[in-house]
Each structure stands twice: as structure tokens, then as C-alpha cells.
Amino acid sequence: MTARAGRTYTMLLGIAAAGALIWLATRVGETTIWRFWATLGLLVGAGLAFALTQRTAYGAWAEVTPLGFLISFVVAAICILWIAIAGQPGANWFRDHVLAWSGGLGIRASVTSMSTYVTVMAFGFGALLASAPGAVRRPAPAAAPPPAPAAYRRAAQPVAGDTTVVRDREHVPA
């Protein structure tokens, strides 16, 4: 199997996984608070599955810097959680406080209108999480030193009965 075919199958598998998670989210529904959060979690997983296949297919793992990912993650997490809490079905302590704080900040109308699309935001948040492997990649291993010239390799061979040790072209008595 070629690398291109492997990427194609990976992409198809990821898209199928995202589709299955979205279908499952529609089966869970949003009538209660726990179902609301379960649906959002499934959509985050679907976004993650979809975006991981896109990044794998196009070899784009090294595009995101750690600081860029951290800033994006924190801002997205705060905004999406704020809107999701405000859009929960039914009143509770968290929802009431977020809506009151939103009114105090003068953004309540925006928050309530955006809560209609919180499921799309959850999918996008999963896609954002797919950029994490590029942001937290390990540093490349140090390059191996170049091979020594042939003349040096011949000189470094021990001679029978010789008691000197060759270190970096210096003869040191043993």
C-alpha cells in the first residue's frame, strides 16, 4: 500500500467516525442537562476525528506553535463554555450566573443568540484539539556526527603490542 492510499483510507475512516459520532449525538438529544453535555462531548469527538484525518492526509502536523495553540485553546474553551452554559436547557445555578454576568457585561443578547450554534462550536473545538500534536511535538533528535575520514579510521586501528589509546588523533599512553 502506498502512502497516498494509506492517507486516503485514514481520511475515510476518520470521516466515517465523525459521521457516526454526529449520528449518535442526534440520538442522545438535548432535552436534559446531562444529554446536552453528552451531545456536546460527542460533537467535540466528531470534530477531533474529522480534523485529525485532514491533518494526517495533508501532513500538516508541524504548523502550530505551542504558544499559538495555548492562546487559541484558552480563548476557545472560555468562549465555548460560556455560551454552552448559557444555552443549557433548564435553569440552574451556573446558567443563571453566566446569564447575569453576560447582562452585566452587555453581551447577553450575543451570548443567547450564539447558544443556538453551540453544537457547531463544539465540533470546531474538537477540530482545534487536532492541532495539539503539532504544537507539543518532541524536538528533533540531534544529528549524528559526520563519519570520520578514511585516513583517521585507519590510524585509529590498534596495532598488536601497542599500549597507546587513540583519542581524537592524540596518542595517549595507556
C-alpha atoms as a PDB file:
ATOM      1  CA  MET A   1       0.000   0.000   0.000  1.00  0.00           C
ATOM      2  CA  THR A   2       1.362   3.413  -0.911  1.00  0.00           C
ATOM      3  CA  ALA A   3       1.463   6.335   1.492  1.00  0.00           C
ATOM      4  CA  ARG A   4      -1.172   8.129  -0.568  1.00  0.00           C
ATOM      5  CA  ALA A   5      -3.547   5.145  -0.348  1.00  0.00           C
ATOM      6  CA  GLY A   6      -2.926   4.882   3.404  1.00  0.00           C
ATOM      7  CA  ARG A   7      -3.803   8.557   3.859  1.00  0.00           C
ATOM      8  CA  THR A   8      -6.943   8.048   1.795  1.00  0.00           C
ATOM      9  CA  TYR A   9      -8.096   5.142   3.946  1.00  0.00           C
ATOM     10  CA  THR A  10      -7.235   7.078   7.114  1.00  0.00           C
ATOM     11  CA  MET A  11      -9.270  10.028   5.889  1.00  0.00           C
ATOM     12  CA  LEU A  12     -12.244   7.816   5.016  1.00  0.00           C
ATOM     13  CA  LEU A  13     -12.076   6.095   8.392  1.00  0.00           C
ATOM     14  CA  GLY A  14     -11.941   9.419  10.254  1.00  0.00           C
ATOM     15  CA  ILE A  15     -14.826  10.880   8.272  1.00  0.00           C
ATOM     16  CA  ALA A  16     -16.864   7.735   8.940  1.00  0.00           C
ATOM     17  CA  ALA A  17     -16.034   8.001  12.660  1.00  0.00           C
ATOM     18  CA  ALA A  18     -17.057  11.680  12.686  1.00  0.00           C
ATOM     19  CA  GLY A  19     -20.313  10.823  10.912  1.00  0.00           C
ATOM     20  CA  ALA A  20     -21.051   8.031  13.373  1.00  0.00           C
ATOM     21  CA  LEU A  21     -20.424  10.346  16.343  1.00  0.00           C
ATOM     22  CA  ILE A  22     -22.668  13.042  14.855  1.00  0.00           C
ATOM     23  CA  TRP A  23     -25.415  10.468  14.276  1.00  0.00           C
ATOM     24  CA  LEU A  24     -25.012   9.247  17.848  1.00  0.00           C
ATOM     25  CA  ALA A  25     -25.273  12.857  19.087  1.00  0.00           C
ATOM     26  CA  THR A  26     -28.611  13.195  17.315  1.00  0.00           C
ATOM     27  CA  ARG A  27     -29.843  10.072  19.120  1.00  0.00           C
ATOM     28  CA  VAL A  28     -28.832  11.411  22.556  1.00  0.00           C
ATOM     29  CA  GLY A  29     -30.776  14.662  22.171  1.00  0.00           C
ATOM     30  CA  GLU A  30     -30.642  17.830  24.258  1.00  0.00           C
ATOM     31  CA  THR A  31     -33.731  17.631  26.472  1.00  0.00           C
ATOM     32  CA  THR A  32     -31.907  17.440  29.818  1.00  0.00           C
ATOM     33  CA  ILE A  33     -28.688  18.968  31.058  1.00  0.00           C
ATOM     34  CA  TRP A  34     -26.711  15.702  31.032  1.00  0.00           C
ATOM     35  CA  ARG A  35     -27.931  14.903  27.496  1.00  0.00           C
ATOM     36  CA  PHE A  36     -26.971  18.423  26.391  1.00  0.00           C
ATOM     37  CA  TRP A  37     -23.393  17.967  27.646  1.00  0.00           C
ATOM     38  CA  ALA A  38     -23.189  14.402  26.273  1.00  0.00           C
ATOM     39  CA  THR A  39     -24.218  15.715  22.848  1.00  0.00           C
ATOM     40  CA  LEU A  40     -21.565  18.433  23.012  1.00  0.00           C
ATOM     41  CA  GLY A  41     -18.931  15.870  24.023  1.00  0.00           C
ATOM     42  CA  LEU A  42     -19.840  13.630  21.096  1.00  0.00           C
ATOM     43  CA  LEU A  43     -19.614  16.589  18.715  1.00  0.00           C
ATOM     44  CA  VAL A  44     -16.197  17.560  20.101  1.00  0.00           C
ATOM     45  CA  GLY A  45     -15.093  13.982  19.400  1.00  0.00           C
ATOM     46  CA  ALA A  46     -16.514  14.164  15.881  1.00  0.00           C
ATOM     47  CA  GLY A  47     -14.647  17.400  15.187  1.00  0.00           C
ATOM     48  CA  LEU A  48     -11.462  15.872  16.545  1.00  0.00           C
ATOM     49  CA  ALA A  49     -11.828  12.750  14.392  1.00  0.00           C
ATOM     50  CA  PHE A  50     -12.545  14.803  11.282  1.00  0.00           C
ATOM     51  CA  ALA A  51      -9.688  17.263  11.783  1.00  0.00           C
ATOM     52  CA  LEU A  52      -7.157  14.567  12.667  1.00  0.00           C
ATOM     53  CA  THR A  53      -7.796  12.871   9.344  1.00  0.00           C
ATOM     54  CA  GLN A  54      -7.351  16.143   7.500  1.00  0.00           C
ATOM     55  CA  ARG A  55      -4.055  16.845   9.229  1.00  0.00           C
ATOM     56  CA  THR A  56      -2.822  13.297   8.649  1.00  0.00           C
ATOM     57  CA  ALA A  57      -3.841  13.356   4.997  1.00  0.00           C
ATOM     58  CA  TYR A  58      -2.005  16.569   4.239  1.00  0.00           C
ATOM     59  CA  GLY A  59       0.992  16.097   6.564  1.00  0.00           C
ATOM     60  CA  ALA A  60       0.332  19.350   8.430  1.00  0.00           C
ATOM     61  CA  TRP A  61       1.411  18.293  11.921  1.00  0.00           C
ATOM     62  CA  ALA A  62       4.131  20.891  12.385  1.00  0.00           C
ATOM     63  CA  GLU A  63       2.175  24.050  11.523  1.00  0.00           C
ATOM     64  CA  VAL A  64       1.111  25.193  15.001  1.00  0.00           C
ATOM     65  CA  THR A  65       3.398  26.738  17.606  1.00  0.00           C
ATOM     66  CA  PRO A  66       2.908  25.830  21.271  1.00  0.00           C
ATOM     67  CA  LEU A  67       2.092  29.443  22.242  1.00  0.00           C
ATOM     68  CA  GLY A  68      -0.352  29.823  19.349  1.00  0.00           C
ATOM     69  CA  PHE A  69      -2.112  26.615  20.325  1.00  0.00           C
ATOM     70  CA  LEU A  70      -2.276  27.605  24.006  1.00  0.00           C
ATOM     71  CA  ILE A  71      -3.769  31.013  23.264  1.00  0.00           C
ATOM     72  CA  SER A  72      -6.287  29.526  20.814  1.00  0.00           C
ATOM     73  CA  PHE A  73      -7.221  26.749  23.223  1.00  0.00           C
ATOM     74  CA  VAL A  74      -7.767  29.020  26.230  1.00  0.00           C
ATOM     75  CA  VAL A  75      -9.807  31.615  24.333  1.00  0.00           C
ATOM     76  CA  ALA A  76     -11.927  28.975  22.579  1.00  0.00           C
ATOM     77  CA  ALA A  77     -12.502  26.995  25.784  1.00  0.00           C
ATOM     78  CA  ILE A  78     -13.646  30.076  27.726  1.00  0.00           C
ATOM     79  CA  CYS A  79     -15.937  31.354  24.969  1.00  0.00           C
ATOM     80  CA  ILE A  80     -17.481  27.994  24.102  1.00  0.00           C
ATOM     81  CA  LEU A  81     -18.035  27.008  27.739  1.00  0.00           C
ATOM     82  CA  TRP A  82     -19.569  30.412  28.478  1.00  0.00           C
ATOM     83  CA  ILE A  83     -22.003  30.098  25.576  1.00  0.00           C
ATOM     84  CA  ALA A  84     -22.726  26.416  26.284  1.00  0.00           C
ATOM     85  CA  ILE A  85     -23.529  27.068  29.933  1.00  0.00           C
ATOM     86  CA  ALA A  86     -25.813  29.947  28.949  1.00  0.00           C
ATOM     87  CA  GLY A  87     -27.589  27.717  26.412  1.00  0.00           C
ATOM     88  CA  GLN A  88     -28.291  24.762  28.701  1.00  0.00           C
ATOM     89  CA  PRO A  89     -31.879  23.576  28.768  1.00  0.00           C
ATOM     90  CA  GLY A  90     -33.470  24.403  32.090  1.00  0.00           C
ATOM     91  CA  ALA A  91     -32.324  26.805  34.755  1.00  0.00           C
ATOM     92  CA  ASN A  92     -29.584  26.017  37.261  1.00  0.00           C
ATOM     93  CA  TRP A  93     -27.028  27.923  39.327  1.00  0.00           C
ATOM     94  CA  PHE A  94     -24.352  28.008  36.592  1.00  0.00           C
ATOM     95  CA  ARG A  95     -26.728  29.106  33.832  1.00  0.00           C
ATOM     96  CA  ASP A  96     -28.319  31.814  35.962  1.00  0.00           C
ATOM     97  CA  HIS A  97     -24.935  33.274  36.940  1.00  0.00           C
ATOM     98  CA  VAL A  98     -23.499  33.191  33.407  1.00  0.00           C
ATOM     99  CA  LEU A  99     -26.595  34.927  32.053  1.00  0.00           C
ATOM    100  CA  ALA A 100     -26.438  37.539  34.848  1.00  0.00           C
ATOM    101  CA  TRP A 101     -22.721  38.155  34.202  1.00  0.00           C
ATOM    102  CA  SER A 102     -23.409  38.369  30.461  1.00  0.00           C
ATOM    103  CA  GLY A 103     -26.070  41.009  31.163  1.00  0.00           C
ATOM    104  CA  GLY A 104     -23.612  42.904  33.333  1.00  0.00           C
ATOM    105  CA  LEU A 105     -21.019  42.843  30.548  1.00  0.00           C
ATOM    106  CA  GLY A 106     -23.593  43.908  27.956  1.00  0.00           C
ATOM    107  CA  ILE A 107     -23.186  40.734  25.874  1.00  0.00           C
ATOM    108  CA  ARG A 108     -26.300  38.794  26.903  1.00  0.00           C
ATOM    109  CA  ALA A 109     -28.076  39.180  23.549  1.00  0.00           C
ATOM    110  CA  SER A 110     -24.987  37.913  21.694  1.00  0.00           C
ATOM    111  CA  VAL A 111     -24.498  35.007  24.076  1.00  0.00           C
ATOM    112  CA  THR A 112     -28.109  33.859  23.859  1.00  0.00           C
ATOM    113  CA  SER A 113     -28.174  34.117  20.060  1.00  0.00           C
ATOM    114  CA  MET A 114     -24.859  32.242  19.777  1.00  0.00           C
ATOM    115  CA  SER A 115     -26.157  29.444  22.026  1.00  0.00           C
ATOM    116  CA  THR A 116     -28.210  28.257  19.049  1.00  0.00           C
ATOM    117  CA  TYR A 117     -24.942  27.259  17.346  1.00  0.00           C
ATOM    118  CA  VAL A 118     -23.079  25.864  20.341  1.00  0.00           C
ATOM    119  CA  THR A 119     -23.104  22.393  18.782  1.00  0.00           C
ATOM    120  CA  VAL A 120     -21.187  23.711  15.778  1.00  0.00           C
ATOM    121  CA  MET A 121     -18.743  25.368  18.167  1.00  0.00           C
ATOM    122  CA  ALA A 122     -18.240  22.042  19.942  1.00  0.00           C
ATOM    123  CA  PHE A 123     -17.377  20.417  16.601  1.00  0.00           C
ATOM    124  CA  GLY A 124     -14.916  23.248  15.861  1.00  0.00           C
ATOM    125  CA  PHE A 125     -13.358  22.883  19.316  1.00  0.00           C
ATOM    126  CA  GLY A 126     -12.657  19.245  18.544  1.00  0.00           C
ATOM    127  CA  ALA A 127     -11.008  20.363  15.303  1.00  0.00           C
ATOM    128  CA  LEU A 128      -8.882  22.813  17.295  1.00  0.00           C
ATOM    129  CA  LEU A 129      -7.748  19.976  19.560  1.00  0.00           C
ATOM    130  CA  ALA A 130      -6.372  18.210  16.484  1.00  0.00           C
ATOM    131  CA  SER A 131      -3.690  20.891  16.216  1.00  0.00           C
ATOM    132  CA  ALA A 132      -2.265  19.900  19.611  1.00  0.00           C
ATOM    133  CA  PRO A 133       0.111  17.168  18.337  1.00  0.00           C
ATOM    134  CA  GLY A 134       1.895  19.706  16.135  1.00  0.00           C
ATOM    135  CA  ALA A 135       2.112  22.193  18.975  1.00  0.00           C
ATOM    136  CA  VAL A 136       3.514  19.792  21.539  1.00  0.00           C
ATOM    137  CA  ARG A 137       5.764  17.753  19.273  1.00  0.00           C
ATOM    138  CA  ARG A 138       9.059  16.495  20.571  1.00  0.00           C
ATOM    139  CA  PRO A 139      12.214  18.254  19.425  1.00  0.00           C
ATOM    140  CA  ALA A 140      14.025  16.583  16.578  1.00  0.00           C
ATOM    141  CA  PRO A 141      16.813  14.256  17.697  1.00  0.00           C
ATOM    142  CA  ALA A 142      20.326  15.628  17.429  1.00  0.00           C
ATOM    143  CA  ALA A 143      22.020  14.887  14.156  1.00  0.00           C
ATOM    144  CA  ALA A 144      24.675  12.169  14.200  1.00  0.00           C
ATOM    145  CA  PRO A 145      28.236  13.434  13.791  1.00  0.00           C
ATOM    146  CA  PRO A 146      29.669  13.044  10.298  1.00  0.00           C
ATOM    147  CA  PRO A 147      31.727   9.920   9.732  1.00  0.00           C
ATOM    148  CA  ALA A 148      35.457  10.207  10.253  1.00  0.00           C
ATOM    149  CA  PRO A 149      37.715  10.367   7.178  1.00  0.00           C
ATOM    150  CA  ALA A 150      39.173   7.067   5.988  1.00  0.00           C
ATOM    151  CA  ALA A 151      42.750   8.087   6.934  1.00  0.00           C
ATOM    152  CA  TYR A 152      41.685   8.699  10.537  1.00  0.00           C
ATOM    153  CA  ARG A 153      39.824   5.393  10.731  1.00  0.00           C
ATOM    154  CA  ARG A 154      42.961   3.534   9.600  1.00  0.00           C
ATOM    155  CA  ALA A 155      45.105   5.365  12.148  1.00  0.00           C
ATOM    156  CA  ALA A 156      42.683   4.545  14.944  1.00  0.00           C
ATOM    157  CA  GLN A 157      43.105   0.776  14.498  1.00  0.00           C
ATOM    158  CA  PRO A 158      45.123  -0.774  17.366  1.00  0.00           C
ATOM    159  CA  VAL A 159      48.464  -2.289  16.472  1.00  0.00           C
ATOM    160  CA  ALA A 160      49.482  -5.570  18.110  1.00  0.00           C
ATOM    161  CA  GLY A 161      51.541  -4.849  21.219  1.00  0.00           C
ATOM    162  CA  ASP A 162      50.762  -1.107  21.158  1.00  0.00           C
ATOM    163  CA  THR A 163      49.783   0.239  24.591  1.00  0.00           C
ATOM    164  CA  THR A 164      48.603   3.675  23.485  1.00  0.00           C
ATOM    165  CA  VAL A 165      44.978   4.674  23.199  1.00  0.00           C
ATOM    166  CA  VAL A 166      43.927   6.878  20.278  1.00  0.00           C
ATOM    167  CA  ARG A 167      41.601   9.717  21.271  1.00  0.00           C
ATOM    168  CA  ASP A 168      40.733  12.402  18.760  1.00  0.00           C
ATOM    169  CA  ARG A 169      44.023  11.925  16.872  1.00  0.00           C
ATOM    170  CA  GLU A 170      46.132  12.231  20.019  1.00  0.00           C
ATOM    171  CA  HIS A 171      48.290   9.360  21.222  1.00  0.00           C
ATOM    172  CA  VAL A 172      47.996   8.984  24.986  1.00  0.00           C
ATOM    173  CA  PRO A 173      49.988   6.322  26.824  1.00  0.00           C
ATOM    174  CA  ALA A 174      47.725   3.739  28.430  1.00  0.00           C
END
